[in-house]
């Protein structure tokens, strides 16, 4: 069975072996919800096959702009 991961640039948040792509996508959405506090502000960068493991990657900087910044323009 294929192995799947939900990860950031430097950390694997979840890992599982799943039989089908549809189960893998459902699992990835659920794990994203479970780890939403860690992933907050990071963008989904897509998925890719690395050494037999499908990685669902999140990266980028966290959003730190204050609410008033958008109105100041």
N, C-alpha and C. Protein backbone atom coordinates (compact mmCIF):
# COMPACT_ATOMS: atom_id res chain seq x y z
N UNK A 1 0.84 -1.20 0.00
CA UNK A 1 0.00 0.00 0.00
C UNK A 1 0.88 1.25 0.00
N UNK A 2 0.44 2.27 -0.68
CA UNK A 2 1.20 3.52 -0.70
C UNK A 2 1.20 4.22 0.66
N UNK A 3 2.29 4.90 0.95
CA UNK A 3 2.45 5.67 2.19
C UNK A 3 2.16 7.14 1.87
N UNK A 4 1.48 7.81 2.78
CA UNK A 4 1.12 9.23 2.62
C UNK A 4 1.58 10.00 3.84
N UNK A 5 1.97 11.27 3.64
CA UNK A 5 2.37 12.15 4.74
C UNK A 5 1.72 13.52 4.58
N UNK A 6 1.42 14.13 5.72
CA UNK A 6 1.08 15.55 5.77
C UNK A 6 2.25 16.18 6.50
N UNK A 7 2.88 17.19 5.86
CA UNK A 7 4.11 17.73 6.44
C UNK A 7 4.30 19.21 6.14
N UNK A 8 5.14 19.83 6.96
CA UNK A 8 5.62 21.18 6.70
C UNK A 8 7.02 21.03 6.10
N UNK A 9 7.75 22.12 5.95
CA UNK A 9 9.09 22.04 5.39
C UNK A 9 10.01 21.16 6.23
N UNK A 10 9.83 21.18 7.54
CA UNK A 10 10.77 20.51 8.43
C UNK A 10 10.16 19.48 9.38
N UNK A 11 8.88 19.16 9.22
CA UNK A 11 8.23 18.28 10.19
C UNK A 11 7.14 17.44 9.53
N UNK A 12 7.15 16.13 9.83
CA UNK A 12 6.06 15.25 9.41
C UNK A 12 4.99 15.31 10.49
N UNK A 13 3.79 15.76 10.12
CA UNK A 13 2.70 15.90 11.09
C UNK A 13 1.88 14.62 11.20
N UNK A 14 1.74 13.88 10.10
CA UNK A 14 0.96 12.65 10.11
C UNK A 14 1.45 11.76 8.97
N UNK A 15 1.30 10.45 9.17
CA UNK A 15 1.74 9.49 8.17
C UNK A 15 0.83 8.27 8.23
N UNK A 16 0.48 7.72 7.06
CA UNK A 16 -0.40 6.54 7.03
C UNK A 16 -0.23 5.79 5.71
N UNK A 17 -0.49 4.48 5.77
CA UNK A 17 -0.58 3.66 4.56
C UNK A 17 -2.05 3.52 4.22
N UNK A 18 -2.41 3.87 2.98
CA UNK A 18 -3.81 3.85 2.57
C UNK A 18 -3.96 3.16 1.22
N UNK A 19 -5.07 2.45 1.06
CA UNK A 19 -5.26 1.59 -0.11
C UNK A 19 -5.66 2.34 -1.38
N UNK A 20 -6.39 3.43 -1.27
CA UNK A 20 -6.89 4.11 -2.47
C UNK A 20 -6.63 5.61 -2.40
N UNK A 21 -6.63 6.24 -3.57
CA UNK A 21 -6.43 7.69 -3.63
C UNK A 21 -7.56 8.45 -2.94
N UNK A 22 -8.79 7.96 -3.06
CA UNK A 22 -9.91 8.65 -2.42
C UNK A 22 -9.79 8.60 -0.90
N UNK A 23 -9.35 7.48 -0.36
CA UNK A 23 -9.12 7.40 1.09
C UNK A 23 -7.97 8.32 1.50
N UNK A 24 -6.96 8.41 0.65
CA UNK A 24 -5.82 9.27 0.94
C UNK A 24 -6.22 10.74 0.98
N UNK A 25 -7.04 11.18 0.05
CA UNK A 25 -7.47 12.58 0.04
C UNK A 25 -8.36 12.88 1.24
N UNK A 26 -9.25 11.96 1.59
CA UNK A 26 -10.09 12.15 2.78
C UNK A 26 -9.22 12.23 4.02
N UNK A 27 -8.24 11.36 4.13
CA UNK A 27 -7.32 11.35 5.26
C UNK A 27 -6.53 12.66 5.32
N UNK A 28 -6.04 13.14 4.16
CA UNK A 28 -5.25 14.37 4.14
C UNK A 28 -6.08 15.57 4.61
N UNK A 29 -7.33 15.64 4.19
CA UNK A 29 -8.20 16.73 4.65
C UNK A 29 -8.43 16.63 6.15
N UNK A 30 -8.67 15.43 6.64
CA UNK A 30 -8.90 15.24 8.08
C UNK A 30 -7.65 15.61 8.88
N UNK A 31 -6.47 15.20 8.43
CA UNK A 31 -5.23 15.51 9.14
C UNK A 31 -4.92 17.00 9.09
N UNK A 32 -5.27 17.66 7.99
CA UNK A 32 -5.11 19.11 7.91
C UNK A 32 -5.98 19.80 8.95
N UNK A 33 -7.18 19.29 9.16
CA UNK A 33 -8.08 19.84 10.18
C UNK A 33 -7.52 19.58 11.57
N UNK A 34 -7.04 18.37 11.81
CA UNK A 34 -6.48 18.01 13.12
C UNK A 34 -5.28 18.90 13.46
N UNK A 35 -4.44 19.18 12.48
CA UNK A 35 -3.21 19.95 12.70
C UNK A 35 -3.33 21.41 12.28
N UNK A 36 -4.54 21.94 12.26
CA UNK A 36 -4.76 23.30 11.74
C UNK A 36 -4.01 24.36 12.53
N UNK A 37 -3.79 24.17 13.83
CA UNK A 37 -3.06 25.19 14.60
C UNK A 37 -1.60 25.25 14.18
N UNK A 38 -1.01 24.12 13.84
CA UNK A 38 0.38 24.09 13.37
C UNK A 38 0.47 24.66 11.96
N UNK A 39 -0.53 24.38 11.12
CA UNK A 39 -0.51 24.79 9.72
C UNK A 39 -1.03 26.19 9.47
N UNK A 40 -1.59 26.83 10.46
CA UNK A 40 -2.22 28.14 10.28
C UNK A 40 -1.28 29.11 9.56
N UNK A 41 -1.78 29.69 8.48
CA UNK A 41 -1.01 30.66 7.73
C UNK A 41 -0.11 30.06 6.66
N UNK A 42 0.07 28.75 6.68
CA UNK A 42 0.89 28.11 5.65
C UNK A 42 0.00 27.70 4.48
N UNK A 43 0.55 27.75 3.31
CA UNK A 43 -0.21 27.39 2.10
C UNK A 43 0.08 25.96 1.69
N UNK A 44 -0.95 25.31 1.15
CA UNK A 44 -0.75 23.97 0.61
C UNK A 44 0.06 24.10 -0.65
N UNK A 45 1.19 23.41 -0.74
CA UNK A 45 2.07 23.49 -1.90
C UNK A 45 1.84 22.36 -2.88
N UNK A 46 0.93 21.47 -2.57
CA UNK A 46 0.63 20.35 -3.47
C UNK A 46 1.14 19.04 -2.90
N UNK A 47 1.02 18.01 -3.71
CA UNK A 47 1.52 16.71 -3.29
C UNK A 47 2.51 16.20 -4.34
N UNK A 48 3.44 15.38 -3.87
CA UNK A 48 4.44 14.82 -4.77
C UNK A 48 4.93 13.48 -4.23
N UNK A 49 5.42 12.65 -5.11
CA UNK A 49 5.94 11.34 -4.74
C UNK A 49 7.44 11.47 -4.51
N UNK A 50 7.87 11.15 -3.29
CA UNK A 50 9.28 11.22 -2.93
C UNK A 50 9.68 9.89 -2.31
N UNK A 51 10.49 9.13 -3.01
CA UNK A 51 10.98 7.87 -2.47
C UNK A 51 9.89 6.90 -2.07
N UNK A 52 8.82 6.82 -2.81
CA UNK A 52 7.73 5.90 -2.50
C UNK A 52 6.70 6.43 -1.51
N UNK A 53 6.85 7.68 -1.08
CA UNK A 53 5.92 8.30 -0.13
C UNK A 53 5.28 9.52 -0.79
N UNK A 54 3.95 9.57 -0.77
CA UNK A 54 3.23 10.76 -1.26
C UNK A 54 3.22 11.80 -0.16
N UNK A 55 3.81 12.96 -0.41
CA UNK A 55 3.84 14.06 0.57
C UNK A 55 2.78 15.09 0.21
N UNK A 56 1.97 15.47 1.17
CA UNK A 56 1.08 16.62 1.05
C UNK A 56 1.78 17.73 1.83
N UNK A 57 2.35 18.69 1.11
CA UNK A 57 3.23 19.68 1.71
C UNK A 57 2.57 21.02 1.95
N UNK A 58 2.90 21.60 3.09
CA UNK A 58 2.47 22.96 3.44
C UNK A 58 3.72 23.77 3.70
N UNK A 59 3.75 25.01 3.23
CA UNK A 59 4.92 25.83 3.44
C UNK A 59 4.60 27.30 3.33
N UNK A 60 5.66 28.08 3.36
CA UNK A 60 5.50 29.52 3.29
C UNK A 60 5.42 30.12 4.67
N UNK A 61 5.59 31.42 4.72
CA UNK A 61 5.56 32.12 6.00
C UNK A 61 4.17 32.21 6.57
N UNK A 62 4.13 32.38 7.85
CA UNK A 62 2.84 32.58 8.52
C UNK A 62 2.41 34.02 8.32
N UNK A 63 1.13 34.21 8.19
CA UNK A 63 0.60 35.58 8.03
C UNK A 63 0.61 36.28 9.37
N UNK A 64 1.24 37.45 9.40
CA UNK A 64 1.35 38.19 10.65
C UNK A 64 0.80 39.60 10.55
N UNK A 65 0.21 39.96 9.43
CA UNK A 65 -0.30 41.32 9.25
C UNK A 65 -1.45 41.61 10.21
N UNK A 66 -1.44 42.79 10.74
CA UNK A 66 -2.52 43.21 11.64
C UNK A 66 -3.78 43.53 10.84
N UNK A 67 -4.92 43.49 11.48
CA UNK A 67 -6.19 43.76 10.80
C UNK A 67 -6.23 45.16 10.20
N UNK A 68 -5.66 46.11 10.85
CA UNK A 68 -5.70 47.49 10.39
C UNK A 68 -4.85 47.74 9.15
N UNK A 69 -3.91 46.85 8.84
CA UNK A 69 -3.03 47.04 7.69
C UNK A 69 -3.80 47.07 6.37
N UNK A 70 -4.83 46.25 6.24
CA UNK A 70 -5.60 46.19 4.99
C UNK A 70 -6.37 47.49 4.76
N UNK A 71 -6.85 48.11 5.81
CA UNK A 71 -7.64 49.34 5.69
C UNK A 71 -6.75 50.57 5.52
N UNK A 72 -5.47 50.46 5.87
CA UNK A 72 -4.58 51.62 5.84
C UNK A 72 -4.21 52.03 4.42
N UNK A 73 -4.35 51.10 3.41
CA UNK A 73 -3.92 51.34 2.04
C UNK A 73 -4.35 52.60 1.48
